[in-house]
Protein backbone atom coordinates (compact mmCIF):
# COMPACT_ATOMS: atom_id res chain seq x y z
CA MET A 1 114.43 66.69 73.62
CA THR A 2 115.13 64.87 76.70
CA THR A 3 113.56 65.97 80.23
CA MET A 4 114.81 64.38 83.42
CA ASN A 5 113.60 64.74 86.83
CA PRO A 6 115.31 65.11 89.11
CA MET A 7 119.02 64.89 88.26
CA ALA A 8 120.61 63.03 91.28
CA HIS A 9 123.98 62.31 89.40
CA THR A 10 127.29 63.94 89.74
CA THR A 11 127.65 63.78 85.97
CA ALA A 12 125.14 63.79 83.27
CA PRO A 13 124.00 60.45 82.20
CA PRO A 14 124.90 59.49 78.73
CA GLU A 15 121.36 59.98 77.12
CA PHE A 16 121.38 63.35 78.58
CA ALA A 17 124.46 64.57 76.89
CA LYS A 18 123.26 62.84 73.79
CA ALA A 19 120.24 64.87 73.78
CA LEU A 20 122.08 68.11 74.30
CA ASP A 21 124.44 67.43 71.43
CA ARG A 22 121.45 66.39 69.28
CA ASP A 23 119.00 68.95 69.68
CA GLY A 24 121.02 71.79 71.13
CA VAL A 25 118.88 72.05 74.18
CA SER A 26 117.73 69.72 77.17
CA MET A 27 115.98 70.39 80.33
CA VAL A 28 116.63 69.15 83.96
CA GLU A 29 113.87 69.61 86.43
CA GLU A 30 113.96 70.24 90.39
CA ILE A 31 117.87 71.23 90.43
CA VAL A 32 118.08 74.30 92.44
CA PRO A 33 116.82 74.30 96.27
CA PRO A 34 114.05 76.64 97.17
CA ASP A 35 116.50 78.61 99.75
CA ALA A 36 118.99 79.44 96.96
CA LEU A 37 116.28 80.86 94.76
CA GLY A 38 114.69 82.85 97.58
CA ASP A 39 118.13 84.24 98.25
CA LEU A 40 118.35 85.26 94.57
CA ILE A 41 114.61 86.64 94.24
CA ALA A 42 115.23 88.91 97.44
CA ALA A 43 118.41 90.18 95.83
CA ILE A 44 116.73 91.04 92.49
CA GLU A 45 114.11 93.06 94.16
CA SER A 46 116.48 95.07 96.17
CA VAL A 47 119.07 95.58 93.39
CA SER A 48 119.70 99.28 92.45
CA ALA A 49 119.87 100.93 89.24
CA SER A 50 123.48 100.94 87.55
CA GLN A 51 125.01 100.74 84.54
CA ALA A 52 124.41 97.05 84.28
CA VAL A 53 120.81 97.24 85.10
CA ARG A 54 118.01 97.92 82.80
CA GLN A 55 114.68 99.00 84.64
CA ARG A 56 111.16 99.69 83.39
CA LYS A 57 108.42 101.34 85.13
CA ASN A 58 110.44 100.79 88.95
CA GLY A 59 110.70 96.95 87.88
CA THR A 60 114.12 95.32 87.19
CA PHE A 61 113.87 93.31 84.12
CA ALA A 62 117.69 92.78 83.12
CA VAL A 63 120.85 92.59 85.10
CA ARG A 64 123.86 92.19 82.46
CA ASN A 65 126.82 91.91 84.78
CA ALA A 66 125.07 89.67 87.24
CA LEU A 67 128.27 87.98 88.75
CA HIS A 68 129.55 91.55 90.03
CA GLU A 69 126.22 93.15 90.61
CA VAL A 70 124.17 90.55 92.61
CA ALA A 71 126.20 88.48 95.14
CA ALA A 72 123.42 85.93 95.29
CA ALA A 73 123.67 85.15 91.55
CA ALA A 74 127.31 84.28 91.93
CA ALA A 75 126.52 81.97 94.52
CA LEU A 76 124.01 80.18 92.64
CA ALA A 77 126.40 79.74 89.67
CA ASN A 78 128.73 78.17 92.14
CA HIS A 79 126.27 75.88 93.58
CA PRO A 80 127.39 72.14 93.37
CA ALA A 81 124.25 70.98 91.52
CA ILE A 82 124.94 73.86 88.84
CA GLN A 83 128.76 73.08 88.70
CA SER A 84 128.23 69.39 88.10
CA ILE A 85 125.70 70.14 85.25
CA ALA A 86 128.32 72.43 83.50
CA GLN A 87 131.32 70.30 83.87
CA SER A 88 129.29 67.19 82.41
CA VAL A 89 129.24 69.19 79.32
CA VAL A 90 132.36 71.30 78.95
CA GLY A 91 134.50 69.22 81.27
CA PRO A 92 136.44 69.33 84.68
CA ASN A 93 137.96 72.92 84.13
CA SER A 94 134.39 74.53 83.76
CA LEU A 95 134.28 78.22 84.07
CA ILE A 96 131.33 80.64 84.40
CA THR A 97 132.06 83.33 81.72
CA ARG A 98 128.79 85.29 81.86
CA ALA A 99 125.65 85.80 83.90
CA ILE A 100 122.56 87.87 83.00
CA ILE A 101 119.37 87.91 84.76
CA PHE A 102 116.13 88.59 82.79
CA ASP A 103 112.53 89.22 84.24
CA LYS A 104 109.83 89.11 81.81
CA ASN A 105 106.85 90.45 83.54
CA PRO A 106 103.66 92.57 83.17
CA ASN A 107 105.84 95.87 83.16
CA ALA A 108 108.49 94.32 80.84
CA ASN A 109 106.85 92.02 78.26
CA TRP A 110 109.14 91.77 75.28
CA ALA A 111 109.60 89.50 72.18
CA VAL A 112 113.05 88.09 71.27
CA PRO A 113 113.36 87.20 67.52
CA TRP A 114 115.09 84.05 66.40
CA HIS A 115 118.78 84.47 66.91
CA GLN A 116 121.89 82.61 67.96
CA ASP A 117 124.08 83.81 70.94
CA THR A 118 127.33 84.60 69.04
CA THR A 119 129.39 87.08 71.32
CA ILE A 120 131.24 86.52 74.46
CA ALA A 121 132.50 88.80 77.28
CA VAL A 122 136.23 89.18 77.90
CA MET A 123 138.45 91.25 80.02
CA GLU A 124 140.04 93.42 77.31
CA LYS A 125 140.27 93.84 73.51
CA ILE A 126 143.16 92.18 71.97
CA ASP A 127 143.21 91.77 68.43
CA THR A 128 143.22 87.96 67.53
CA ILE A 129 142.78 86.20 64.35
CA GLY A 130 138.95 85.12 64.02
CA PHE A 131 137.83 87.32 66.70
CA GLY A 132 135.75 90.27 65.82
CA PRO A 133 133.63 92.30 65.58
CA TRP A 134 134.02 94.07 68.93
CA SER A 135 131.64 96.03 71.11
CA VAL A 136 131.23 97.29 74.81
CA LYS A 137 128.06 96.41 76.67
CA ALA A 138 127.55 97.93 80.04
CA GLY A 139 131.16 98.57 80.41
CA VAL A 140 132.36 95.07 79.44
CA VAL A 141 133.94 94.26 76.22
CA HIS A 142 132.33 91.68 73.91
CA VAL A 143 133.42 89.91 70.86
CA GLN A 144 132.25 87.45 68.34
CA PRO A 145 134.81 84.54 68.45
CA PRO A 146 135.20 81.53 65.99
CA ALA A 147 132.30 79.24 65.72
CA GLU A 148 134.48 76.47 67.48
CA VAL A 149 134.66 78.47 70.81
CA LEU A 150 130.86 78.68 70.80
CA GLU A 151 130.47 74.95 69.93
CA ARG A 152 132.23 73.98 73.31
CA MET A 153 130.16 76.32 75.45
CA VAL A 154 126.81 75.73 77.10
CA THR A 155 124.25 78.04 78.59
CA LEU A 156 122.25 76.96 81.77
CA ARG A 157 119.28 79.04 82.33
CA ILE A 158 117.96 78.59 85.71
CA HIS A 159 114.29 79.32 86.46
CA LEU A 160 112.98 81.16 89.28
CA ASP A 161 109.52 80.86 88.34
CA ASP A 162 107.28 78.46 86.70
CA CYS A 163 107.56 78.82 82.86
CA ASP A 164 105.24 77.70 79.98
CA ALA A 165 103.97 78.96 76.63
CA SER A 166 101.61 81.39 78.26
CA ASN A 167 104.47 83.49 79.91
CA GLY A 168 106.85 83.70 77.06
CA ALA A 169 108.96 80.30 77.48
CA LEU A 170 112.22 79.91 75.48
CA GLN A 171 111.62 78.30 72.07
CA VAL A 172 114.18 76.59 70.10
CA LEU A 173 114.82 75.28 66.65
CA PRO A 174 116.25 71.74 67.37
CA GLY A 175 119.41 70.84 65.69
CA SER A 176 120.33 74.24 64.17
CA HIS A 177 123.22 74.55 66.58
CA ARG A 178 125.17 71.98 64.21
CA ASP A 179 125.40 74.49 61.14
CA GLY A 180 127.75 76.98 62.74
CA VAL A 181 127.01 80.62 62.71
CA LEU A 182 124.13 81.27 60.44
CA SER A 183 123.18 83.90 57.87
CA SER A 184 119.89 85.76 57.72
CA GLU A 185 118.98 83.33 54.83
CA GLN A 186 120.18 80.15 56.82
CA ILE A 187 117.92 81.30 59.81
CA ASP A 188 114.73 81.84 57.54
CA ASN A 189 115.54 78.39 56.10
CA TRP A 190 115.48 76.80 59.37
CA LYS A 191 112.41 78.52 60.38
CA GLN A 192 110.62 77.06 57.61
CA ARG A 193 111.73 73.83 57.74
CA VAL A 194 111.78 72.94 61.45
CA ALA A 195 108.91 73.22 63.95
CA PRO A 196 109.96 75.07 67.20
CA VAL A 197 110.03 73.35 70.52
CA THR A 198 108.79 75.23 73.51
CA CYS A 199 110.94 74.98 76.75
CA GLU A 200 108.52 74.60 79.57
CA VAL A 201 110.14 74.19 82.85
CA GLN A 202 109.08 74.36 86.56
CA VAL A 203 110.77 76.58 89.04
CA GLY A 204 114.10 75.24 90.28
CA GLY A 205 114.57 73.60 86.76
CA VAL A 206 117.39 74.26 84.46
CA VAL A 207 117.25 74.61 80.56
CA LEU A 208 120.62 73.73 78.85
CA MET A 209 121.11 75.01 75.51
CA ARG A 210 124.08 75.45 73.02
CA PRO A 211 124.63 79.03 72.36
CA LEU A 212 124.25 78.44 68.42
CA VAL A 213 120.90 76.89 68.77
CA LEU A 214 118.28 79.18 67.13
CA HIS A 215 116.14 80.46 69.89
CA ALA A 216 113.42 83.15 70.50
CA SER A 217 110.41 83.96 72.74
CA ALA A 218 107.19 85.62 72.33
CA PRO A 219 105.62 88.13 74.60
CA ALA A 220 103.71 86.39 77.43
CA VAL A 221 99.83 86.10 76.86
CA SER A 222 99.57 85.86 80.60
CA PRO A 223 102.10 88.14 81.90
CA ARG A 224 103.59 87.29 85.42
CA HIS A 225 107.08 87.05 86.48
CA ARG A 226 109.55 84.95 84.29
CA ARG A 227 112.84 85.29 86.14
CA VAL A 228 115.63 83.59 84.80
CA LEU A 229 119.32 83.38 85.66
CA HIS A 230 121.26 83.03 82.43
CA LEU A 231 124.81 81.30 82.93
CA GLU A 232 127.28 80.77 80.22
CA PHE A 233 130.02 78.09 80.91
CA ALA A 234 133.40 77.27 78.93
CA GLY A 235 135.90 74.77 79.50
CA ASP A 236 138.80 76.20 77.57
CA PRO A 237 140.97 79.08 77.93
CA LEU A 238 140.96 81.74 75.13
CA PRO A 239 143.91 82.20 72.61
CA GLY A 240 145.86 85.06 71.99
CA GLY A 241 146.21 86.38 75.35
CA LEU A 242 142.23 86.99 75.64
CA ARG A 243 140.78 86.16 79.00
CA TRP A 244 137.18 85.54 79.86
CA ALA A 245 135.62 88.72 81.60
CA SER A 246 134.94 86.56 84.72
CA ALA A 247 138.46 85.14 84.93
């Protein structure tokens, strides 16, 4: 896994792209300016409860439809540095397709088992060959697309706090994105064969990952804010009249 500090290029250098393709994950430090982070943190603290927001003990810990619920999240998703990174991976027609805010903190300290991100958010349900099953989350239609759609996407996780193994950092199994959508048996096999990598990153840094890389996170042993803006990007339109939810 490759870490670069900082990324001053308008497009990702070749070794960066190779690392992402090889491992399914990479990190870039010191990308987001402090003022942009401050605006988003303030917005998270003041967001009200709604269908798209989950709260626990008076502390917001997830905002599912963040592009629509939090203006500062949409602004950060369109920051030139973020757009440049996304375009370097999925091409010049990069489109933000979904945004979620997570805050693992002392009042919301959860574990996430090993999994792949296998669903996308779309505008409406249109029966299309290869797409399914369907679901609705926080009022938004979701569907599992063919693996080739997911393979051309990239997720950018922008960190609003320092994150290390002690406060529930993301873990990945490098290379697992290259085997398509995995069965439970295949996931177990990867867990036995490959040592996990912990994605430790400082505030303002970005973790890039392919949706199909196996990833998980443990509860924090030293709970404190671990706020992340999770952004999913695609470079291609969907077939069969389907439209990305953000289109």
